[in-house]
Amino acid sequence: MILVTGANGNLGSATLAALHARGATATGGSRTPGVGVRRLDFDDRVGMDLAGVSTLVLVSAGFAEDDRVIGRHAAVLETASRDGVRHVVYTSLTGAGDHLGFALAHRATERLVRACGLPWTILRNGLYAELFGGLLMWAGDGVESAFGDGALAAVARADLAEAAAIVSADPARHDGSVYELTGAPITAADVAAGLAVRHRAIGLGEYRRRLLHEVPGLLPFQPPMLSSIATGVRHGFLDGTGTDLAGLLGRPVSDPLTAAVAAASAMRPGHVRTTAGSVPQATA
């Protein structure tokens, strides 16, 4: 049986759905289980149970400070080794993102995965197109961002979920592989054009000020994390493309611009949102 962690999150739920669509025997794990999802709380080392799981899809528990994220991942990998899991698939971060504010937890977890004694595969996911679109800020009749003219090799989340499903459904074929899963470069101006509005670039200082003082509900680690994405895109560190994702999917990657435009449109003032929160998560 395949178990996907973070099954109530965006990537985890999409991966589980992709596995079911392929006819795989798969279930989800979450600290808040529901129908078809078993309890799996990374903070409960004693209570964690992976008995009967052959392949573990470890979706990063990245929505926390680094020490807590790495501790959670260490705990679930120890449980996987103890309970006889035969393969670990970890959803990491693209190598181009090494300078980002949340990269360290991913690289530390990759070390843990390699050292856990189990066969493994690492999926280095590019940043979501949905995240890119969701980070544009509506102002008047247009959008603003700190991305400048920089491009992001963004990826539709559904493509990453399908790639994870393909790998975890036949993990032996991918043993010891590290895949760089990036998409096609898009800019904030491209997204604005898709929305039929104008884009105005703001400086990084102004962006950080807004994150600190005008965006409600952010946790302390989030403003530097989001600022690192902005400067990475703005200065051309995240626009590189590759062939790994299309190779796994067996088809061209989906157009990330469509997903980015939809995400930005959903943040438009007056739009009825189906999810809470003003800033999308980068890692789930």
Protein backbone atom coordinates (compact mmCIF):
# COMPACT_ATOMS: atom_id res chain seq x y z
CA MET A 1 0.00 0.00 0.00
CA ILE A 2 1.10 3.56 -0.76
CA LEU A 3 0.62 6.21 1.92
CA VAL A 4 0.71 9.93 1.10
CA THR A 5 1.38 12.27 4.02
CA GLY A 6 -0.27 15.67 4.30
CA ALA A 7 -3.34 14.20 2.65
CA ASN A 8 -5.51 17.19 3.59
CA GLY A 9 -3.09 19.62 1.94
CA ASN A 10 -3.13 20.73 -1.67
CA LEU A 11 -0.26 18.60 -2.99
CA GLY A 12 -1.01 15.59 -0.81
CA SER A 13 -4.68 15.43 -1.74
CA ALA A 14 -3.89 15.89 -5.44
CA THR A 15 -1.26 13.13 -5.30
CA LEU A 16 -3.68 10.77 -3.58
CA ALA A 17 -6.34 11.52 -6.21
CA ALA A 18 -3.81 10.89 -9.00
CA LEU A 19 -2.89 7.54 -7.46
CA HIS A 20 -6.54 6.51 -7.20
CA ALA A 21 -7.06 7.55 -10.82
CA ARG A 22 -4.26 5.14 -11.77
CA GLY A 23 -5.93 2.33 -9.84
CA ALA A 24 -3.23 2.21 -7.16
CA THR A 25 -3.89 0.98 -3.65
CA ALA A 26 -3.23 4.16 -1.70
CA THR A 27 -4.34 6.00 1.39
CA GLY A 28 -3.54 9.30 3.01
CA GLY A 29 -2.12 10.27 6.36
CA SER A 30 -2.95 13.41 8.33
CA ARG A 31 -3.06 14.66 11.90
CA THR A 32 -6.75 15.40 11.18
CA PRO A 33 -7.93 12.20 9.49
CA GLY A 34 -11.21 11.76 7.68
CA VAL A 35 -12.77 9.26 5.30
CA GLY A 36 -10.02 7.29 3.58
CA VAL A 37 -7.29 9.01 5.60
CA ARG A 38 -5.51 7.48 8.60
CA ARG A 39 -4.13 9.40 11.55
CA LEU A 40 -0.46 10.33 11.15
CA ASP A 41 0.81 13.10 13.41
CA PHE A 42 4.50 13.86 12.91
CA ASP A 43 4.63 15.43 16.37
CA ASP A 44 3.46 12.19 18.00
CA ARG A 45 6.53 9.95 17.69
CA VAL A 46 5.08 7.28 19.97
CA GLY A 47 1.74 7.12 18.20
CA MET A 48 2.99 7.10 14.60
CA ASP A 49 2.21 3.85 12.79
CA LEU A 50 3.20 2.95 9.22
CA ALA A 51 2.57 -0.79 9.46
CA GLY A 52 1.39 -2.20 6.14
CA VAL A 53 2.80 0.69 4.11
CA SER A 54 5.10 -0.36 1.27
CA THR A 55 5.78 3.09 -0.23
CA LEU A 56 5.73 6.34 1.73
CA VAL A 57 5.19 9.58 -0.18
CA LEU A 58 6.59 12.13 2.25
CA VAL A 59 5.06 15.49 1.36
CA SER A 60 7.11 18.14 3.11
CA ALA A 61 5.66 19.38 6.39
CA GLY A 62 7.22 22.73 5.60
CA PHE A 63 4.75 25.10 7.23
CA ALA A 64 6.87 25.74 10.34
CA GLU A 65 10.35 26.80 11.46
CA ASP A 66 13.23 24.69 10.13
CA ASP A 67 14.02 22.84 13.35
CA ARG A 68 10.43 21.72 13.74
CA VAL A 69 10.12 20.67 10.08
CA ILE A 70 13.36 18.66 10.17
CA GLY A 71 12.39 17.07 13.48
CA ARG A 72 9.04 15.99 12.06
CA HIS A 73 10.64 14.51 8.97
CA ALA A 74 13.24 12.66 11.07
CA ALA A 75 10.46 11.17 13.17
CA VAL A 76 8.45 9.85 10.26
CA LEU A 77 11.56 8.41 8.57
CA GLU A 78 12.50 6.61 11.78
CA THR A 79 8.98 5.20 11.91
CA ALA A 80 9.22 4.13 8.27
CA SER A 81 12.43 2.21 8.96
CA ARG A 82 10.94 0.60 12.06
CA ASP A 83 7.66 -0.45 10.44
CA GLY A 84 9.04 -2.02 7.28
CA VAL A 85 8.34 0.62 4.65
CA ARG A 86 10.20 -0.42 1.50
CA HIS A 87 10.56 2.90 -0.38
CA VAL A 88 10.41 6.62 0.45
CA VAL A 89 9.48 9.29 -2.09
CA TYR A 90 10.19 12.79 -0.79
CA THR A 91 8.78 15.99 -2.32
CA SER A 92 11.66 18.44 -2.04
CA LEU A 93 12.57 21.80 -3.59
CA THR A 94 14.23 22.47 -6.93
CA GLY A 95 18.00 22.84 -6.79
CA ALA A 96 17.66 26.34 -8.23
CA GLY A 97 15.98 27.28 -4.96
CA ASP A 98 18.99 26.69 -2.71
CA HIS A 99 19.07 30.39 -1.78
CA LEU A 100 15.39 30.52 -0.77
CA GLY A 101 14.45 31.02 2.85
CA PHE A 102 12.90 27.53 3.16
CA ALA A 103 15.58 25.54 1.27
CA LEU A 104 17.58 24.40 4.28
CA ALA A 105 14.82 22.20 5.67
CA HIS A 106 14.53 20.46 2.31
CA ARG A 107 18.25 19.85 1.93
CA ALA A 108 18.53 18.60 5.52
CA THR A 109 15.62 16.24 4.89
CA GLU A 110 17.26 14.96 1.71
CA ARG A 111 20.25 14.00 3.85
CA LEU A 112 17.94 12.19 6.26
CA VAL A 113 16.23 10.37 3.40
CA ARG A 114 19.55 9.19 1.95
CA ALA A 115 20.73 8.04 5.38
CA CYS A 116 17.54 6.29 6.54
CA GLY A 117 18.54 2.91 5.11
CA LEU A 118 15.53 2.60 2.80
CA PRO A 119 15.38 2.85 -0.99
CA TRP A 120 14.44 6.41 -1.90
CA THR A 121 13.50 8.85 -4.65
CA ILE A 122 13.67 12.64 -4.35
CA LEU A 123 11.34 14.89 -6.34
CA ARG A 124 12.75 18.41 -6.39
CA ASN A 125 9.61 20.37 -7.14
CA GLY A 126 9.66 23.78 -8.75
CA LEU A 127 7.53 26.53 -7.25
CA TYR A 128 3.83 26.27 -7.95
CA ALA A 129 2.21 28.36 -10.66
CA GLU A 130 -0.68 28.74 -8.22
CA LEU A 131 1.69 30.28 -5.66
CA PHE A 132 3.11 32.72 -8.21
CA GLY A 133 -0.33 33.94 -9.25
CA GLY A 134 -1.58 34.04 -5.67
CA LEU A 135 1.27 36.32 -4.58
CA LEU A 136 0.29 39.10 -6.96
CA MET A 137 -1.40 41.92 -5.04
CA TRP A 138 -4.49 43.62 -6.41
CA ALA A 139 -4.34 47.42 -6.38
CA GLY A 140 -7.05 49.44 -8.05
CA ASP A 141 -7.60 48.09 -11.55
CA GLY A 142 -4.28 46.21 -11.74
CA VAL A 143 -1.83 44.02 -9.87
CA GLU A 144 1.46 44.73 -8.12
CA SER A 145 4.40 42.53 -7.20
CA ALA A 146 8.05 42.60 -6.17
CA PHE A 147 8.94 40.15 -8.96
CA GLY A 148 10.02 42.92 -11.34
CA ASP A 149 10.67 41.62 -14.85
CA GLY A 150 11.97 38.28 -13.57
CA ALA A 151 10.55 34.96 -14.67
CA LEU A 152 9.73 31.83 -12.69
CA ALA A 153 9.87 28.34 -14.20
CA ALA A 154 6.54 27.66 -12.54
CA VAL A 155 4.78 24.31 -12.37
CA ALA A 156 1.09 23.50 -12.17
CA ARG A 157 0.53 21.62 -8.91
CA ALA A 158 -1.44 18.93 -10.74
CA ASP A 159 1.63 18.04 -12.81
CA LEU A 160 3.73 17.59 -9.66
CA ALA A 161 1.01 15.44 -8.10
CA GLU A 162 0.84 13.27 -11.21
CA ALA A 163 4.63 12.89 -11.23
CA ALA A 164 4.58 11.81 -7.58
CA ALA A 165 1.84 9.28 -8.36
CA ILE A 166 3.79 7.86 -11.31
CA VAL A 167 6.95 7.43 -9.25
CA SER A 168 5.27 5.99 -6.15
CA ALA A 169 3.16 3.54 -8.18
CA ASP A 170 6.36 1.88 -9.46
CA PRO A 171 9.13 3.09 -7.14
CA ALA A 172 11.74 0.46 -7.98
CA ARG A 173 12.18 2.04 -11.42
CA HIS A 174 13.18 5.31 -9.74
CA ASP A 175 15.38 4.01 -6.92
CA GLY A 176 18.13 6.49 -6.03
CA SER A 177 16.94 9.10 -8.55
CA VAL A 178 16.74 12.85 -7.96
CA TYR A 179 14.39 14.60 -10.38
CA GLU A 180 14.34 18.35 -11.05
CA LEU A 181 10.70 19.12 -11.77
CA THR A 182 10.48 22.62 -13.19
CA GLY A 183 8.08 24.11 -15.68
CA ALA A 184 7.98 26.95 -18.19
CA PRO A 185 9.11 30.51 -17.39
CA ILE A 186 6.36 33.07 -16.79
CA THR A 187 6.50 36.65 -15.52
CA ALA A 188 4.15 38.75 -13.44
CA ALA A 189 3.47 40.78 -16.58
CA ASP A 190 2.39 37.58 -18.34
CA VAL A 191 -0.09 36.86 -15.56
CA ALA A 192 -1.37 40.43 -15.63
CA ALA A 193 -1.90 40.17 -19.38
CA GLY A 194 -3.89 36.99 -18.83
CA LEU A 195 -6.05 38.94 -16.38
CA ALA A 196 -6.35 41.83 -18.86
CA VAL A 197 -4.92 44.26 -16.31
CA ARG A 198 -1.63 46.14 -15.83
CA HIS A 199 1.26 45.03 -13.65
CA ARG A 200 3.24 47.48 -11.54
CA ALA A 201 6.54 46.45 -9.96
CA ILE A 202 7.30 47.51 -6.39
CA GLY A 203 10.61 47.38 -4.56
CA LEU A 204 11.65 44.63 -2.20
CA GLY A 205 11.66 47.02 0.75
CA GLU A 206 8.07 48.03 0.10
CA TYR A 207 7.09 44.37 -0.29
CA ARG A 208 8.67 43.43 3.05
CA ARG A 209 6.95 46.39 4.72
CA ARG A 210 3.58 45.23 3.45
CA LEU A 211 4.22 41.66 4.59
CA LEU A 212 5.17 42.84 8.06
CA HIS A 213 2.45 45.43 8.55
CA GLU A 214 -0.42 44.93 6.12
CA VAL A 215 -0.90 41.17 5.57
CA PRO A 216 -2.84 39.59 8.44
CA GLY A 217 -2.15 36.16 9.84
CA LEU A 218 1.45 35.65 8.74
CA LEU A 219 3.69 33.62 11.05
CA PRO A 220 7.13 35.06 11.92
CA PHE A 221 9.03 32.87 9.43
CA GLN A 222 6.80 33.74 6.48
CA PRO A 223 7.83 37.33 5.56
CA PRO A 224 11.50 36.37 4.99
CA MET A 225 10.41 33.23 3.15
CA LEU A 226 8.16 35.19 0.80
CA SER A 227 10.74 37.95 0.36
CA SER A 228 13.30 35.35 -0.69
CA ILE A 229 10.95 34.11 -3.41
CA ALA A 230 10.47 37.66 -4.66
CA THR A 231 14.19 38.47 -4.87
CA GLY A 232 14.95 35.05 -6.38
CA VAL A 233 12.47 35.60 -9.20
CA ARG A 234 13.33 39.27 -9.63
CA HIS A 235 17.04 38.57 -10.11
CA GLY A 236 16.74 35.58 -12.43
CA PHE A 237 17.60 32.64 -10.17
CA LEU A 238 14.42 30.63 -10.68
CA ASP A 239 13.78 30.70 -14.42
CA GLY A 240 15.69 27.59 -15.49
CA THR A 241 13.83 24.80 -17.24
CA GLY A 242 14.52 21.08 -17.60
CA THR A 243 13.16 17.87 -19.10
CA ASP A 244 12.68 15.65 -16.04
CA LEU A 245 9.02 16.51 -15.48
CA ALA A 246 7.93 15.93 -19.07
CA GLY A 247 9.96 12.72 -19.08
CA LEU A 248 8.13 11.38 -16.04
CA LEU A 249 4.72 12.49 -17.28
CA GLY A 250 5.28 11.18 -20.81
CA ARG A 251 3.75 14.37 -22.20
CA PRO A 252 4.47 18.11 -22.32
CA VAL A 253 4.06 19.92 -19.02
CA SER A 254 0.86 21.88 -18.49
CA ASP A 255 0.87 25.59 -19.23
CA PRO A 256 1.68 27.20 -15.87
CA LEU A 257 0.26 30.53 -16.98
CA THR A 258 -3.29 29.16 -16.94
CA ALA A 259 -2.93 28.05 -13.32
CA ALA A 260 -1.24 31.30 -12.29
CA VAL A 261 -3.94 33.45 -13.86
CA ALA A 262 -6.68 31.40 -12.17
CA ALA A 263 -4.96 31.78 -8.77
CA ALA A 264 -4.52 35.52 -9.21
CA SER A 265 -8.12 35.90 -10.32
CA ALA A 266 -9.28 34.08 -7.20
CA MET A 267 -7.54 36.73 -5.06
CA ARG A 268 -9.31 39.59 -6.82
CA PRO A 269 -11.29 41.79 -4.43
CA GLY A 270 -14.91 40.74 -4.43
CA HIS A 271 -14.14 37.20 -5.60
CA VAL A 272 -15.74 34.55 -3.37
CA ARG A 273 -12.85 32.39 -2.13
CA THR A 274 -13.26 28.73 -1.24
CA THR A 275 -10.16 28.63 0.98
CA ALA A 276 -9.08 30.82 3.86
CA GLY A 277 -5.92 32.88 4.07
CA SER A 278 -4.46 35.78 2.16
CA VAL A 279 -1.10 34.25 1.22
CA PRO A 280 -0.73 30.82 -0.42
CA GLN A 281 1.70 28.29 1.02
CA ALA A 282 4.89 27.56 -0.88
CA THR A 283 5.39 23.95 0.06
CA ALA A 284 2.08 22.16 0.33
